[in-house]
Amino acid sequence: MSTVLGLYNYWVVIILMMTGFYIVISSGNLIKKVIGLNIFQTSVFLLYITIGKRAGGTAPILVDHGSESYTNPLPSVLILTAIVVGVATTSVALALIVRIREAYGTVEEDDIRAMDGAE
């Protein structure tokens, strides 16, 4: 039982990942799809941060305190970059959805496909 509770971060990652994936697959609304992708992306961020953390590890700053275990800072740095890219991608996606709404009058995927097929 303690091993299951010790993997709490991984359970959160799995739940967030499956929730985001379900929203993307099941929803026809483009805004909901972007939200689902953001939830999925957040789960990947949490996964990489969890993998990068070492139990008992300290920041890799060399001072005389006797610690032999250091946490790798590279996953955290990469996640900061990924967050910036994710925000930019989300803003572009929402800008495209605004343009689609202006052109078609809806953000529902089925209605947009029907309008494209009718022309």
Protein backbone atom coordinates (compact mmCIF):
# COMPACT_ATOMS: atom_id res chain seq x y z
CA MET A 1 0.00 0.00 0.00
CA SER A 2 2.85 2.38 0.76
CA THR A 3 4.22 1.95 -2.77
CA VAL A 4 0.90 3.05 -4.27
CA LEU A 5 0.78 6.12 -2.03
CA GLY A 6 4.43 6.83 -2.79
CA LEU A 7 3.58 7.12 -6.47
CA TYR A 8 1.03 9.89 -5.86
CA ASN A 9 2.61 12.23 -8.43
CA TYR A 10 2.38 9.60 -11.14
CA TRP A 11 -1.31 8.97 -10.40
CA VAL A 12 -1.98 12.70 -10.74
CA VAL A 13 -0.11 12.70 -14.06
CA ILE A 14 -2.14 9.75 -15.35
CA ILE A 15 -5.46 11.30 -14.31
CA LEU A 16 -4.62 14.67 -15.87
CA MET A 17 -3.32 13.05 -19.04
CA MET A 18 -6.40 10.88 -19.54
CA THR A 19 -8.72 13.80 -18.72
CA GLY A 20 -7.04 16.05 -21.29
CA PHE A 21 -7.01 13.26 -23.89
CA TYR A 22 -10.70 12.53 -23.30
CA ILE A 23 -11.62 16.21 -23.70
CA VAL A 24 -9.72 16.44 -26.99
CA ILE A 25 -11.29 13.27 -28.39
CA SER A 26 -14.87 13.73 -27.19
CA SER A 27 -15.47 17.43 -27.71
CA GLY A 28 -16.39 19.09 -30.98
CA ASN A 29 -15.92 22.58 -29.60
CA LEU A 30 -12.56 24.02 -30.66
CA ILE A 31 -12.07 25.99 -27.43
CA LYS A 32 -12.66 22.86 -25.36
CA LYS A 33 -10.08 21.05 -27.49
CA VAL A 34 -7.49 23.74 -26.72
CA ILE A 35 -8.30 23.44 -23.01
CA GLY A 36 -7.92 19.65 -23.23
CA LEU A 37 -4.54 20.04 -24.90
CA ASN A 38 -3.45 22.41 -22.12
CA ILE A 39 -4.49 19.90 -19.44
CA PHE A 40 -2.58 17.17 -21.29
CA GLN A 41 0.44 19.46 -21.56
CA THR A 42 0.32 20.21 -17.83
CA SER A 43 0.43 16.49 -17.08
CA VAL A 44 3.59 16.15 -19.18
CA PHE A 45 5.15 19.06 -17.27
CA LEU A 46 4.37 17.37 -13.96
CA LEU A 47 5.80 14.08 -15.23
CA TYR A 48 9.14 15.63 -16.19
CA ILE A 49 9.40 17.59 -12.96
CA THR A 50 8.63 14.44 -10.96
CA ILE A 51 11.24 12.44 -12.83
CA GLY A 52 13.85 15.19 -12.33
CA LYS A 53 13.47 15.31 -8.54
CA ARG A 54 15.79 13.18 -6.43
CA ALA A 55 14.84 12.22 -2.88
CA GLY A 56 17.16 13.99 -0.46
CA GLY A 57 18.79 15.92 -3.27
CA THR A 58 19.81 19.53 -2.98
CA ALA A 59 20.41 22.28 -5.50
CA PRO A 60 23.69 21.76 -7.35
CA ILE A 61 25.42 24.66 -5.65
CA LEU A 62 28.83 23.66 -4.36
CA VAL A 63 29.21 24.76 -0.75
CA ASP A 64 30.68 22.98 2.24
CA HIS A 65 27.60 21.38 3.72
CA GLY A 66 28.47 17.74 3.02
CA SER A 67 25.68 16.80 0.65
CA GLU A 68 26.55 14.10 -1.85
CA SER A 69 23.18 14.01 -3.62
CA TYR A 70 22.18 16.70 -6.07
CA THR A 71 18.99 17.21 -8.06
CA ASN A 72 19.40 17.69 -11.79
CA PRO A 73 18.20 21.20 -12.73
CA LEU A 74 17.90 20.43 -16.47
CA PRO A 75 14.30 19.09 -16.40
CA SER A 76 13.09 22.22 -14.59
CA VAL A 77 14.83 24.48 -17.08
CA LEU A 78 13.36 22.56 -20.01
CA ILE A 79 9.89 22.75 -18.49
CA LEU A 80 10.18 26.52 -18.12
CA THR A 81 10.95 26.70 -21.83
CA ALA A 82 8.07 24.35 -22.61
CA ILE A 83 5.67 26.51 -20.58
CA VAL A 84 6.61 29.57 -22.63
CA VAL A 85 6.15 27.64 -25.88
CA GLY A 86 2.83 26.27 -24.59
CA VAL A 87 1.50 29.74 -23.79
CA ALA A 88 2.51 30.99 -27.23
CA THR A 89 0.92 27.99 -28.94
CA THR A 90 -2.28 28.43 -26.95
CA SER A 91 -2.49 32.10 -27.88
CA VAL A 92 -2.03 31.30 -31.58
CA ALA A 93 -4.68 28.56 -31.36
CA LEU A 94 -7.16 30.91 -29.70
CA ALA A 95 -6.45 33.62 -32.29
CA LEU A 96 -7.18 31.09 -35.04
CA ILE A 97 -10.40 30.08 -33.30
CA VAL A 98 -11.47 33.74 -33.21
CA ARG A 99 -10.85 33.99 -36.97
CA ILE A 100 -12.76 30.74 -37.58
CA ARG A 101 -15.65 32.09 -35.51
CA GLU A 102 -15.69 35.26 -37.61
CA ALA A 103 -15.65 33.30 -40.87
CA TYR A 104 -18.12 30.52 -40.01
CA GLY A 105 -20.14 31.93 -37.12
CA THR A 106 -19.46 28.87 -34.94
CA VAL A 107 -16.66 27.04 -33.17
CA GLU A 108 -18.25 23.58 -33.44
CA GLU A 109 -16.16 21.26 -35.59
CA ASP A 110 -19.13 19.39 -37.11
CA ASP A 111 -20.85 22.61 -38.20
CA ILE A 112 -17.65 23.92 -39.78
CA ARG A 113 -17.17 20.69 -41.73
CA ALA A 114 -20.80 20.77 -42.89
CA MET A 115 -20.39 24.35 -44.12
CA ASP A 116 -17.20 23.43 -45.97
CA GLY A 117 -18.89 20.42 -47.60
CA ALA A 118 -21.87 22.53 -48.74
CA GLU A 119 -19.67 24.97 -50.66
